[in-house]
Amino acid sequence: MVENLEKMLAKGRDDAMLRFGLGSAYFNDGKFSLAATHLEVCIAQDDSYSAAYKLLGKAYLKQGEPGKAISTFEVGMPIAEGQGDKQSRKEMQVFLGKAHKEMDNRQIDL
């Protein structure tokens, strides 16, 4: 799947949906840095793509970057709510709590 999406990108097709697909595919493959890169571009192309915020925040968490995850979820939750995407908002709220816990644990370790 990733190969086909990358081919589409290489041929000049570049839109938020393609970038989300690439981000999702890389996330599922455990390539969180690549996932984050494509999801960041997705949001730059369409800043109302609530699912992209959720997945980007999760990618940041997987990379051990809870601060970036917190910022992403805090921006994404009102966007999801404004679109009536209650499920994404609830999921981001849960992951926001996990990100805060991870930040707290890091501060304790210092």
PDB file of N, CA and C in Angstrom:
ATOM      1  N   MET A   1       0.822  -1.194   0.000  1.00  0.00           N
ATOM      2  CA  MET A   1       0.000   0.000   0.000  1.00  0.00           C
ATOM      3  C   MET A   1       0.869   1.262   0.000  1.00  0.00           C
ATOM      4  N   VAL A   2       1.895   1.286   0.867  1.00  0.00           N
ATOM      5  CA  VAL A   2       2.768   2.454   0.944  1.00  0.00           C
ATOM      6  C   VAL A   2       3.402   2.743  -0.408  1.00  0.00           C
ATOM      7  N   GLU A   3       3.837   1.682  -1.084  1.00  0.00           N
ATOM      8  CA  GLU A   3       4.505   1.865  -2.374  1.00  0.00           C
ATOM      9  C   GLU A   3       3.588   2.565  -3.377  1.00  0.00           C
ATOM     10  N   ASN A   4       2.340   2.139  -3.429  1.00  0.00           N
ATOM     11  CA  ASN A   4       1.383   2.748  -4.360  1.00  0.00           C
ATOM     12  C   ASN A   4       1.145   4.221  -4.026  1.00  0.00           C
ATOM     13  N   LEU A   5       1.020   4.509  -2.745  1.00  0.00           N
ATOM     14  CA  LEU A   5       0.797   5.895  -2.335  1.00  0.00           C
ATOM     15  C   LEU A   5       2.015   6.760  -2.633  1.00  0.00           C
ATOM     16  N   GLU A   6       3.201   6.211  -2.386  1.00  0.00           N
ATOM     17  CA  GLU A   6       4.434   6.956  -2.684  1.00  0.00           C
ATOM     18  C   GLU A   6       4.561   7.215  -4.188  1.00  0.00           C
ATOM     19  N   LYS A   7       4.142   6.242  -5.005  1.00  0.00           N
ATOM     20  CA  LYS A   7       4.174   6.430  -6.461  1.00  0.00           C
ATOM     21  C   LYS A   7       3.246   7.569  -6.876  1.00  0.00           C
ATOM     22  N   MET A   8       2.071   7.619  -6.263  1.00  0.00           N
ATOM     23  CA  MET A   8       1.127   8.697  -6.571  1.00  0.00           C
ATOM     24  C   MET A   8       1.734  10.054  -6.215  1.00  0.00           C
ATOM     25  N   LEU A   9       2.393  10.108  -5.076  1.00  0.00           N
ATOM     26  CA  LEU A   9       3.031  11.348  -4.647  1.00  0.00           C
ATOM     27  C   LEU A   9       4.146  11.738  -5.613  1.00  0.00           C
ATOM     28  N   ALA A  10       4.938  10.754  -6.021  1.00  0.00           N
ATOM     29  CA  ALA A  10       6.049  11.004  -6.945  1.00  0.00           C
ATOM     30  C   ALA A  10       5.560  11.501  -8.309  1.00  0.00           C
ATOM     31  N   LYS A  11       4.342  11.091  -8.678  1.00  0.00           N
ATOM     32  CA  LYS A  11       3.783  11.521  -9.968  1.00  0.00           C
ATOM     33  C   LYS A  11       3.163  12.915  -9.899  1.00  0.00           C
ATOM     34  N   GLY A  12       3.248  13.536  -8.730  1.00  0.00           N
ATOM     35  CA  GLY A  12       2.761  14.906  -8.616  1.00  0.00           C
ATOM     36  C   GLY A  12       1.435  15.079  -7.911  1.00  0.00           C
ATOM     37  N   ARG A  13       0.787  13.994  -7.566  1.00  0.00           N
ATOM     38  CA  ARG A  13      -0.458  14.128  -6.817  1.00  0.00           C
ATOM     39  C   ARG A  13      -0.079  14.393  -5.366  1.00  0.00           C
ATOM     40  N   ASP A  14      -0.553  15.479  -4.825  1.00  0.00           N
ATOM     41  CA  ASP A  14      -0.238  15.804  -3.440  1.00  0.00           C
ATOM     42  C   ASP A  14      -1.423  16.535  -2.829  1.00  0.00           C
ATOM     43  N   ASP A  15      -2.150  15.835  -1.987  1.00  0.00           N
ATOM     44  CA  ASP A  15      -3.264  16.456  -1.292  1.00  0.00           C
ATOM     45  C   ASP A  15      -3.367  15.871   0.108  1.00  0.00           C
ATOM     46  N   ALA A  16      -4.234  16.459   0.903  1.00  0.00           N
ATOM     47  CA  ALA A  16      -4.350  16.060   2.302  1.00  0.00           C
ATOM     48  C   ALA A  16      -4.747  14.591   2.451  1.00  0.00           C
ATOM     49  N   MET A  17      -5.639  14.119   1.600  1.00  0.00           N
ATOM     50  CA  MET A  17      -6.086  12.734   1.709  1.00  0.00           C
ATOM     51  C   MET A  17      -4.937  11.758   1.431  1.00  0.00           C
ATOM     52  N   LEU A  18      -4.137  12.049   0.414  1.00  0.00           N
ATOM     53  CA  LEU A  18      -2.984  11.198   0.112  1.00  0.00           C
ATOM     54  C   LEU A  18      -1.987  11.231   1.267  1.00  0.00           C
ATOM     55  N   ARG A  19      -1.719  12.417   1.783  1.00  0.00           N
ATOM     56  CA  ARG A  19      -0.771  12.532   2.895  1.00  0.00           C
ATOM     57  C   ARG A  19      -1.292  11.808   4.138  1.00  0.00           C
ATOM     58  N   PHE A  20      -2.605  11.881   4.380  1.00  0.00           N
ATOM     59  CA  PHE A  20      -3.161  11.148   5.514  1.00  0.00           C
ATOM     60  C   PHE A  20      -3.003   9.647   5.297  1.00  0.00           C
ATOM     61  N   GLY A  21      -3.272   9.188   4.087  1.00  0.00           N
ATOM     62  CA  GLY A  21      -3.102   7.768   3.772  1.00  0.00           C
ATOM     63  C   GLY A  21      -1.676   7.304   3.992  1.00  0.00           C
ATOM     64  N   LEU A  22      -0.711   8.109   3.556  1.00  0.00           N
ATOM     65  CA  LEU A  22       0.700   7.768   3.775  1.00  0.00           C
ATOM     66  C   LEU A  22       1.035   7.778   5.263  1.00  0.00           C
ATOM     67  N   GLY A  23       0.564   8.794   5.964  1.00  0.00           N
ATOM     68  CA  GLY A  23       0.824   8.868   7.400  1.00  0.00           C
ATOM     69  C   GLY A  23       0.250   7.676   8.138  1.00  0.00           C
ATOM     70  N   SER A  24      -0.954   7.305   7.779  1.00  0.00           N
ATOM     71  CA  SER A  24      -1.610   6.159   8.403  1.00  0.00           C
ATOM     72  C   SER A  24      -0.873   4.859   8.093  1.00  0.00           C
ATOM     73  N   ALA A  25      -0.477   4.689   6.839  1.00  0.00           N
ATOM     74  CA  ALA A  25       0.234   3.469   6.441  1.00  0.00           C
ATOM     75  C   ALA A  25       1.576   3.359   7.165  1.00  0.00           C
ATOM     76  N   TYR A  26       2.315   4.453   7.218  1.00  0.00           N
ATOM     77  CA  TYR A  26       3.598   4.423   7.928  1.00  0.00           C
ATOM     78  C   TYR A  26       3.399   4.204   9.427  1.00  0.00           C
ATOM     79  N   PHE A  27       2.361   4.800   9.996  1.00  0.00           N
ATOM     80  CA  PHE A  27       2.068   4.581  11.418  1.00  0.00           C
ATOM     81  C   PHE A  27       1.816   3.097  11.671  1.00  0.00           C
ATOM     82  N   ASN A  28       0.993   2.491  10.832  1.00  0.00           N
ATOM     83  CA  ASN A  28       0.677   1.067  10.994  1.00  0.00           C
ATOM     84  C   ASN A  28       1.896   0.177  10.798  1.00  0.00           C
ATOM     85  N   ASP A  29       2.876   0.658  10.030  1.00  0.00           N
ATOM     86  CA  ASP A  29       4.132  -0.077   9.839  1.00  0.00           C
ATOM     87  C   ASP A  29       5.142   0.197  10.954  1.00  0.00           C
ATOM     88  N   GLY A  30       4.774   1.041  11.914  1.00  0.00           N
ATOM     89  CA  GLY A  30       5.680   1.367  13.014  1.00  0.00           C
ATOM     90  C   GLY A  30       6.740   2.393  12.653  1.00  0.00           C
ATOM     91  N   LYS A  31       6.564   3.069  11.537  1.00  0.00           N
ATOM     92  CA  LYS A  31       7.519   4.104  11.094  1.00  0.00           C
ATOM     93  C   LYS A  31       6.944   5.471  11.477  1.00  0.00           C
ATOM     94  N   PHE A  32       7.056   5.773  12.771  1.00  0.00           N
ATOM     95  CA  PHE A  32       6.354   6.916  13.336  1.00  0.00           C
ATOM     96  C   PHE A  32       6.903   8.262  12.875  1.00  0.00           C
ATOM     97  N   SER A  33       8.191   8.341  12.625  1.00  0.00           N
ATOM     98  CA  SER A  33       8.774   9.593  12.139  1.00  0.00           C
ATOM     99  C   SER A  33       8.265   9.916  10.736  1.00  0.00           C
ATOM    100  N   LEU A  34       8.257   8.920   9.862  1.00  0.00           N
ATOM    101  CA  LEU A  34       7.713   9.122   8.511  1.00  0.00           C
ATOM    102  C   LEU A  34       6.221   9.441   8.570  1.00  0.00           C
ATOM    103  N   ALA A  35       5.518   8.759   9.460  1.00  0.00           N
ATOM    104  CA  ALA A  35       4.088   9.035   9.621  1.00  0.00           C
ATOM    105  C   ALA A  35       3.883  10.491  10.011  1.00  0.00           C
ATOM    106  N   ALA A  36       4.652  10.951  10.997  1.00  0.00           N
ATOM    107  CA  ALA A  36       4.513  12.331  11.463  1.00  0.00           C
ATOM    108  C   ALA A  36       4.794  13.323  10.343  1.00  0.00           C
ATOM    109  N   THR A  37       5.809  13.058   9.555  1.00  0.00           N
ATOM    110  CA  THR A  37       6.148  13.962   8.451  1.00  0.00           C
ATOM    111  C   THR A  37       4.968  14.133   7.498  1.00  0.00           C
ATOM    112  N   HIS A  38       4.356  13.039   7.101  1.00  0.00           N
ATOM    113  CA  HIS A  38       3.229  13.119   6.165  1.00  0.00           C
ATOM    114  C   HIS A  38       1.991  13.723   6.822  1.00  0.00           C
ATOM    115  N   LEU A  39       1.778  13.435   8.087  1.00  0.00           N
ATOM    116  CA  LEU A  39       0.615  13.992   8.773  1.00  0.00           C
ATOM    117  C   LEU A  39       0.767  15.492   8.994  1.00  0.00           C
ATOM    118  N   GLU A  40       1.988  15.943   9.238  1.00  0.00           N
ATOM    119  CA  GLU A  40       2.227  17.387   9.357  1.00  0.00           C
ATOM    120  C   GLU A  40       1.893  18.094   8.042  1.00  0.00           C
ATOM    121  N   VAL A  41       2.291  17.490   6.926  1.00  0.00           N
ATOM    122  CA  VAL A  41       1.976  18.076   5.613  1.00  0.00           C
ATOM    123  C   VAL A  41       0.467  18.034   5.374  1.00  0.00           C
ATOM    124  N   CYS A  42      -0.168  16.945   5.766  1.00  0.00           N
ATOM    125  CA  CYS A  42      -1.619  16.820   5.628  1.00  0.00           C
ATOM    126  C   CYS A  42      -2.320  17.990   6.319  1.00  0.00           C
ATOM    127  N   ILE A  43      -1.913  18.274   7.544  1.00  0.00           N
ATOM    128  CA  ILE A  43      -2.535  19.355   8.311  1.00  0.00           C
ATOM    129  C   ILE A  43      -2.201  20.715   7.700  1.00  0.00           C
ATOM    130  N   ALA A  44      -0.996  20.858   7.178  1.00  0.00           N
ATOM    131  CA  ALA A  44      -0.635  22.114   6.509  1.00  0.00           C
ATOM    132  C   ALA A  44      -1.512  22.340   5.274  1.00  0.00           C
ATOM    133  N   GLN A  45      -1.890  21.255   4.622  1.00  0.00           N
ATOM    134  CA  GLN A  45      -2.734  21.358   3.426  1.00  0.00           C
ATOM    135  C   GLN A  45      -4.211  21.527   3.773  1.00  0.00           C
ATOM    136  N   ASP A  46      -4.631  20.950   4.893  1.00  0.00           N
ATOM    137  CA  ASP A  46      -6.033  21.033   5.319  1.00  0.00           C
ATOM    138  C   ASP A  46      -6.064  21.025   6.839  1.00  0.00           C
ATOM    139  N   ASP A  47      -6.103  22.214   7.430  1.00  0.00           N
ATOM    140  CA  ASP A  47      -6.024  22.312   8.888  1.00  0.00           C
ATOM    141  C   ASP A  47      -7.322  21.944   9.599  1.00  0.00           C
ATOM    142  N   SER A  48      -8.303  21.450   8.856  1.00  0.00           N
ATOM    143  CA  SER A  48      -9.547  20.987   9.477  1.00  0.00           C
ATOM    144  C   SER A  48      -9.658  19.457   9.481  1.00  0.00           C
ATOM    145  N   TYR A  49      -8.580  18.770   9.140  1.00  0.00           N
ATOM    146  CA  TYR A  49      -8.567  17.301   9.025  1.00  0.00           C
ATOM    147  C   TYR A  49      -8.370  16.711  10.428  1.00  0.00           C
ATOM    148  N   SER A  50      -9.469  16.558  11.172  1.00  0.00           N
ATOM    149  CA  SER A  50      -9.379  16.184  12.587  1.00  0.00           C
ATOM    150  C   SER A  50      -8.709  14.832  12.815  1.00  0.00           C
ATOM    151  N   ALA A  51      -8.944  13.875  11.941  1.00  0.00           N
ATOM    152  CA  ALA A  51      -8.316  12.557  12.111  1.00  0.00           C
ATOM    153  C   ALA A  51      -6.798  12.655  12.008  1.00  0.00           C
ATOM    154  N   ALA A  52      -6.308  13.615  11.230  1.00  0.00           N
ATOM    155  CA  ALA A  52      -4.859  13.792  11.090  1.00  0.00           C
ATOM    156  C   ALA A  52      -4.246  14.278  12.399  1.00  0.00           C
ATOM    157  N   TYR A  53      -4.943  15.154  13.114  1.00  0.00           N
ATOM    158  CA  TYR A  53      -4.436  15.618  14.405  1.00  0.00           C
ATOM    159  C   TYR A  53      -4.327  14.455  15.385  1.00  0.00           C
ATOM    160  N   LYS A  54      -5.362  13.626  15.396  1.00  0.00           N
ATOM    161  CA  LYS A  54      -5.361  12.481  16.310  1.00  0.00           C
ATOM    162  C   LYS A  54      -4.189  11.556  16.014  1.00  0.00           C
ATOM    163  N   LEU A  55      -4.003  11.200  14.760  1.00  0.00           N
ATOM    164  CA  LEU A  55      -2.937  10.268  14.401  1.00  0.00           C
ATOM    165  C   LEU A  55      -1.560  10.907  14.568  1.00  0.00           C
ATOM    166  N   LEU A  56      -1.438  12.195  14.264  1.00  0.00           N
ATOM    167  CA  LEU A  56      -0.159  12.879  14.449  1.00  0.00           C
ATOM    168  C   LEU A  56       0.218  12.909  15.925  1.00  0.00           C
ATOM    169  N   GLY A  57      -0.736  13.215  16.780  1.00  0.00           N
ATOM    170  CA  GLY A  57      -0.459  13.206  18.215  1.00  0.00           C
ATOM    171  C   GLY A  57      -0.015  11.835  18.693  1.00  0.00           C
ATOM    172  N   LYS A  58      -0.669  10.800  18.194  1.00  0.00           N
ATOM    173  CA  LYS A  58      -0.276   9.435  18.559  1.00  0.00           C
ATOM    174  C   LYS A  58       1.125   9.114  18.052  1.00  0.00           C
ATOM    175  N   ALA A  59       1.459   9.579  16.849  1.00  0.00           N
ATOM    176  CA  ALA A  59       2.807   9.351  16.306  1.00  0.00           C
ATOM    177  C   ALA A  59       3.848  10.043  17.181  1.00  0.00           C
ATOM    178  N   TYR A  60       3.546  11.266  17.619  1.00  0.00           N
ATOM    179  CA  TYR A  60       4.470  11.966  18.512  1.00  0.00           C
ATOM    180  C   TYR A  60       4.652  11.190  19.815  1.00  0.00           C
ATOM    181  N   LEU A  61       3.568  10.655  20.357  1.00  0.00           N
ATOM    182  CA  LEU A  61       3.681   9.851  21.582  1.00  0.00           C
ATOM    183  C   LEU A  61       4.572   8.638  21.356  1.00  0.00           C
ATOM    184  N   LYS A  62       4.385   7.961  20.245  1.00  0.00           N
ATOM    185  CA  LYS A  62       5.190   6.775  19.933  1.00  0.00           C
ATOM    186  C   LYS A  62       6.665   7.127  19.771  1.00  0.00           C
ATOM    187  N   GLN A  63       6.949   8.371  19.381  1.00  0.00           N
ATOM    188  CA  GLN A  63       8.331   8.817  19.221  1.00  0.00           C
ATOM    189  C   GLN A  63       8.905   9.365  20.526  1.00  0.00           C
ATOM    190  N   GLY A  64       8.113   9.351  21.593  1.00  0.00           N
ATOM    191  CA  GLY A  64       8.585   9.874  22.868  1.00  0.00           C
ATOM    192  C   GLY A  64       8.596  11.392  22.921  1.00  0.00           C
ATOM    193  N   GLU A  65       7.654  12.017  22.225  1.00  0.00           N
ATOM    194  CA  GLU A  65       7.559  13.473  22.194  1.00  0.00           C
ATOM    195  C   GLU A  65       6.199  13.922  22.748  1.00  0.00           C
ATOM    196  N   PRO A  66       5.989  13.753  24.061  1.00  0.00           N
ATOM    197  CA  PRO A  66       4.679  14.078  24.622  1.00  0.00           C
ATOM    198  C   PRO A  66       4.319  15.556  24.529  1.00  0.00           C
ATOM    199  N   GLY A  67       5.294  16.446  24.554  1.00  0.00           N
ATOM    200  CA  GLY A  67       4.996  17.873  24.435  1.00  0.00           C
ATOM    201  C   GLY A  67       4.360  18.207  23.103  1.00  0.00           C
ATOM    202  N   LYS A  68       4.911  17.649  22.035  1.00  0.00           N
ATOM    203  CA  LYS A  68       4.329  17.858  20.703  1.00  0.00           C
ATOM    204  C   LYS A  68       2.951  17.210  20.618  1.00  0.00           C
ATOM    205  N   ALA A  69       2.804  16.053  21.250  1.00  0.00           N
ATOM    206  CA  ALA A  69       1.506  15.371  21.241  1.00  0.00           C
ATOM    207  C   ALA A  69       0.453  16.229  21.937  1.00  0.00           C
ATOM    208  N   ILE A  70       0.819  16.789  23.085  1.00  0.00           N
ATOM    209  CA  ILE A  70      -0.122  17.630  23.832  1.00  0.00           C
ATOM    210  C   ILE A  70      -0.578  18.802  22.970  1.00  0.00           C
ATOM    211  N   SER A  71       0.366  19.494  22.359  1.00  0.00           N
ATOM    212  CA  SER A  71       0.021  20.637  21.504  1.00  0.00           C
ATOM    213  C   SER A  71      -0.896  20.224  20.361  1.00  0.00           C
ATOM    214  N   THR A  72      -0.593  19.093  19.759  1.00  0.00           N
ATOM    215  CA  THR A  72      -1.386  18.612  18.625  1.00  0.00           C
ATOM    216  C   THR A  72      -2.803  18.263  19.054  1.00  0.00           C
ATOM    217  N   PHE A  73      -2.938  17.540  20.158  1.00  0.00           N
ATOM    218  CA  PHE A  73      -4.276  17.176  20.635  1.00  0.00           C
ATOM    219  C   PHE A  73      -5.070  18.419  21.041  1.00  0.00           C
ATOM    220  N   GLU A  74      -4.399  19.389  21.672  1.00  0.00           N
ATOM    221  CA  GLU A  74      -5.101  20.599  22.109  1.00  0.00           C
ATOM    222  C   GLU A  74      -5.621  21.413  20.929  1.00  0.00           C
ATOM    223  N   VAL A  75      -4.920  21.385  19.813  1.00  0.00           N
ATOM    224  CA  VAL A  75      -5.406  22.064  18.604  1.00  0.00           C
ATOM    225  C   VAL A  75      -6.494  21.222  17.930  1.00  0.00           C
ATOM    226  N   GLY A  76      -6.300  19.919  17.898  1.00  0.00           N
ATOM    227  CA  GLY A  76      -7.202  19.031  17.176  1.00  0.00           C
ATOM    228  C   GLY A  76      -8.562  18.818  17.818  1.00  0.00           C
ATOM    229  N   MET A  77      -8.617  18.833  19.151  1.00  0.00           N
ATOM    230  CA  MET A  77      -9.893  18.545  19.820  1.00  0.00           C
ATOM    231  C   MET A  77     -10.998  19.539  19.462  1.00  0.00           C
ATOM    232  N   PRO A  78     -10.751  20.852  19.522  1.00  0.00           N
ATOM    233  CA  PRO A  78     -11.840  21.761  19.134  1.00  0.00           C
ATOM    234  C   PRO A  78     -12.205  21.667  17.649  1.00  0.00           C
ATOM    235  N   ILE A  79     -11.239  21.318  16.826  1.00  0.00           N
ATOM    236  CA  ILE A  79     -11.541  21.134  15.397  1.00  0.00           C
ATOM    237  C   ILE A  79     -12.485  19.951  15.224  1.00  0.00           C
ATOM    238  N   ALA A  80     -12.171  18.842  15.885  1.00  0.00           N
ATOM    239  CA  ALA A  80     -13.036  17.661  15.810  1.00  0.00           C
ATOM    240  C   ALA A  80     -14.425  17.975  16.353  1.00  0.00           C
ATOM    241  N   GLU A  81     -14.460  18.673  17.476  1.00  0.00           N
ATOM    242  CA  GLU A  81     -15.748  19.018  18.077  1.00  0.00           C
ATOM    243  C   GLU A  81     -16.565  19.914  17.143  1.00  0.00           C
ATOM    244  N   GLY A  82     -15.913  20.866  16.528  1.00  0.00           N
ATOM    245  CA  GLY A  82     -16.590  21.778  15.608  1.00  0.00           C
ATOM    246  C   GLY A  82     -17.165  21.072  14.394  1.00  0.00           C
ATOM    247  N   GLN A  83     -16.580  19.941  14.043  1.00  0.00           N
ATOM    248  CA  GLN A  83     -17.066  19.166  12.895  1.00  0.00           C
ATOM    249  C   GLN A  83     -18.050  18.077  13.316  1.00  0.00           C
ATOM    250  N   GLY A  84     -18.330  18.006  14.607  1.00  0.00           N
ATOM    251  CA  GLY A  84     -19.227  16.970  15.094  1.00  0.00           C
ATOM    252  C   GLY A  84     -18.586  15.598  15.163  1.00  0.00           C
ATOM    253  N   ASP A  85     -17.264  15.559  15.112  1.00  0.00           N
ATOM    254  CA  ASP A  85     -16.513  14.294  15.173  1.00  0.00           C
ATOM    255  C   ASP A  85     -16.240  13.959  16.637  1.00  0.00           C
ATOM    256  N   LYS A  86     -17.294  13.520  17.313  1.00  0.00           N
ATOM    257  CA  LYS A  86     -17.208  13.267  18.753  1.00  0.00           C
ATOM    258  C   LYS A  86     -16.231  12.145  19.088  1.00  0.00           C
ATOM    259  N   GLN A  87     -16.175  11.129  18.247  1.00  0.00           N
ATOM    260  CA  GLN A  87     -15.287   9.992  18.514  1.00  0.00           C
ATOM    261  C   GLN A  87     -13.819  10.427  18.505  1.00  0.00           C
ATOM    262  N   SER A  88     -13.419  11.176  17.493  1.00  0.00           N
ATOM    263  CA  SER A  88     -12.028  11.649  17.437  1.00  0.00           C
ATOM    264  C   SER A  88     -11.720  12.548  18.620  1.00  0.00           C
ATOM    265  N   ARG A  89     -12.665  13.406  18.991  1.00  0.00           N
ATOM    266  CA  ARG A  89     -12.442  14.292  20.123  1.00  0.00           C
ATOM    267  C   ARG A  89     -12.251  13.489  21.405  1.00  0.00           C
ATOM    268  N   LYS A  90     -13.087  12.491  21.619  1.00  0.00           N
ATOM    269  CA  LYS A  90     -12.962  11.655  22.820  1.00  0.00           C
ATOM    270  C   LYS A  90     -11.629  10.919  22.839  1.00  0.00           C
ATOM    271  N   GLU A  91     -11.242  10.382  21.694  1.00  0.00           N
ATOM    272  CA  GLU A  91      -9.971   9.659  21.625  1.00  0.00           C
ATOM    273  C   GLU A  91      -8.795  10.598  21.885  1.00  0.00           C
ATOM    274  N   MET A  92      -8.849  11.802  21.318  1.00  0.00           N
ATOM    275  CA  MET A  92      -7.769  12.758  21.569  1.00  0.00           C
ATOM    276  C   MET A  92      -7.722  13.145  23.041  1.00  0.00           C
ATOM    277  N   GLN A  93      -8.873  13.246  23.685  1.00  0.00           N
ATOM    278  CA  GLN A  93      -8.915  13.565  25.116  1.00  0.00           C
ATOM    279  C   GLN A  93      -8.204  12.479  25.918  1.00  0.00           C
ATOM    280  N   VAL A  94      -8.445  11.222  25.580  1.00  0.00           N
ATOM    281  CA  VAL A  94      -7.785  10.102  26.266  1.00  0.00           C
ATOM    282  C   VAL A  94      -6.278  10.156  26.034  1.00  0.00           C
ATOM    283  N   PHE A  95      -5.870  10.349  24.793  1.00  0.00           N
ATOM    284  CA  PHE A  95      -4.438  10.398  24.490  1.00  0.00           C
ATOM    285  C   PHE A  95      -3.782  11.645  25.070  1.00  0.00           C
ATOM    286  N   LEU A  96      -4.531  12.725  25.206  1.00  0.00           N
ATOM    287  CA  LEU A  96      -4.005  13.923  25.854  1.00  0.00           C
ATOM    288  C   LEU A  96      -3.653  13.608  27.308  1.00  0.00           C
ATOM    289  N   GLY A  97      -4.527  12.863  27.975  1.00  0.00           N
ATOM    290  CA  GLY A  97      -4.240  12.445  29.348  1.00  0.00           C
ATOM    291  C   GLY A  97      -2.986  11.592  29.425  1.00  0.00           C
ATOM    292  N   LYS A  98      -2.820  10.681  28.482  1.00  0.00           N
ATOM    293  CA  LYS A  98      -1.615   9.841  28.450  1.00  0.00           C
ATOM    294  C   LYS A  98      -0.369  10.682  28.213  1.00  0.00           C
ATOM    295  N   ALA A  99      -0.479  11.668  27.342  1.00  0.00           N
ATOM    296  CA  ALA A  99       0.667  12.535  27.053  1.00  0.00           C
ATOM    297  C   ALA A  99       1.056  13.344  28.288  1.00  0.00           C
ATOM    298  N   HIS A 100       0.058  13.847  29.014  1.00  0.00           N
ATOM    299  CA  HIS A 100       0.354  14.585  30.250  1.00  0.00           C
ATOM    300  C   HIS A 100       1.022  13.674  31.283  1.00  0.00           C
ATOM    301  N   LYS A 101       0.548  12.439  31.384  1.00  0.00           N
ATOM    302  CA  LYS A 101       1.171  11.483  32.307  1.00  0.00           C
ATOM    303  C   LYS A 101       2.622  11.236  31.941  1.00  0.00           C
ATOM    304  N   GLU A 102       2.878  11.070  30.644  1.00  0.00           N
ATOM    305  CA  GLU A 102       4.246  10.838  30.184  1.00  0.00           C
ATOM    306  C   GLU A 102       5.132  12.047  30.497  1.00  0.00           C
ATOM    307  N   MET A 103       4.598  13.238  30.320  1.00  0.00           N
ATOM    308  CA  MET A 103       5.354  14.456  30.658  1.00  0.00           C
ATOM    309  C   MET A 103       5.646  14.496  32.151  1.00  0.00           C
ATOM    310  N   ASP A 104       4.646  14.168  32.964  1.00  0.00           N
ATOM    311  CA  ASP A 104       4.834  14.159  34.416  1.00  0.00           C
ATOM    312  C   ASP A 104       5.897  13.151  34.818  1.00  0.00           C
ATOM    313  N   ASN A 105       5.870  11.966  34.210  1.00  0.00           N
ATOM    314  CA  ASN A 105       6.867  10.938  34.519  1.00  0.00           C
ATOM    315  C   ASN A 105       8.266  11.400  34.143  1.00  0.00           C
ATOM    316  N   ARG A 106       8.400  12.109  33.059  1.00  0.00           N
ATOM    317  CA  ARG A 106       9.713  12.618  32.641  1.00  0.00           C
ATOM    318  C   ARG A 106      10.227  13.643  33.643  1.00  0.00           C
ATOM    319  N   GLN A 107       9.335  14.481  34.160  1.00  0.00           N
ATOM    320  CA  GLN A 107       9.756  15.498  35.117  1.00  0.00           C
ATOM    321  C   GLN A 107      10.178  14.863  36.429  1.00  0.00           C
ATOM    322  N   ILE A 108       9.519  13.779  36.811  1.00  0.00           N
ATOM    323  CA  ILE A 108       9.888  13.064  38.035  1.00  0.00           C
ATOM    324  C   ILE A 108      11.260  12.430  37.870  1.00  0.00           C
ATOM    325  N   ASP A 109      11.540  11.901  36.680  1.00  0.00           N
ATOM    326  CA  ASP A 109      12.826  11.249  36.420  1.00  0.00           C
ATOM    327  C   ASP A 109      13.989  12.231  36.431  1.00  0.00           C
ATOM    328  N   LEU A 110      13.712  13.508  36.197  1.00  0.00           N
ATOM    329  CA  LEU A 110      14.783  14.503  36.188  1.00  0.00           C
ATOM    330  C   LEU A 110      15.239  14.695  37.590  1.00  0.00           C
TER     331      LEU A 110
END
